[in-house]
Amino acid sequence: MATYECDKCGMSVNATCAKCDAPLVNDVLKLDSGVEVQISKCPNGHGKIKSPLCCGQDMTCSIG
């Protein structure tokens, strides 16, 4: 399961898909410009989200 953590305050969050309740998995989305964006996605194809925000910045998730 993807666990996002705030680098500033240490808060962390786990995410699941609301359609199937499956734990979201960490992934990387490559944009046409070549930029890579860290995302979490449903393993059953229900969609993907960008990292959540905390303390005014993106929360991070280690890729493993």
Foldseek 3Di string as FASTA:
>chain_A
DWKFAAPPPGDIDWDADPVPRHTWAWDWDQDPVRDIFIWTAHPVPPGIDGADDDPRDGTDTDHD
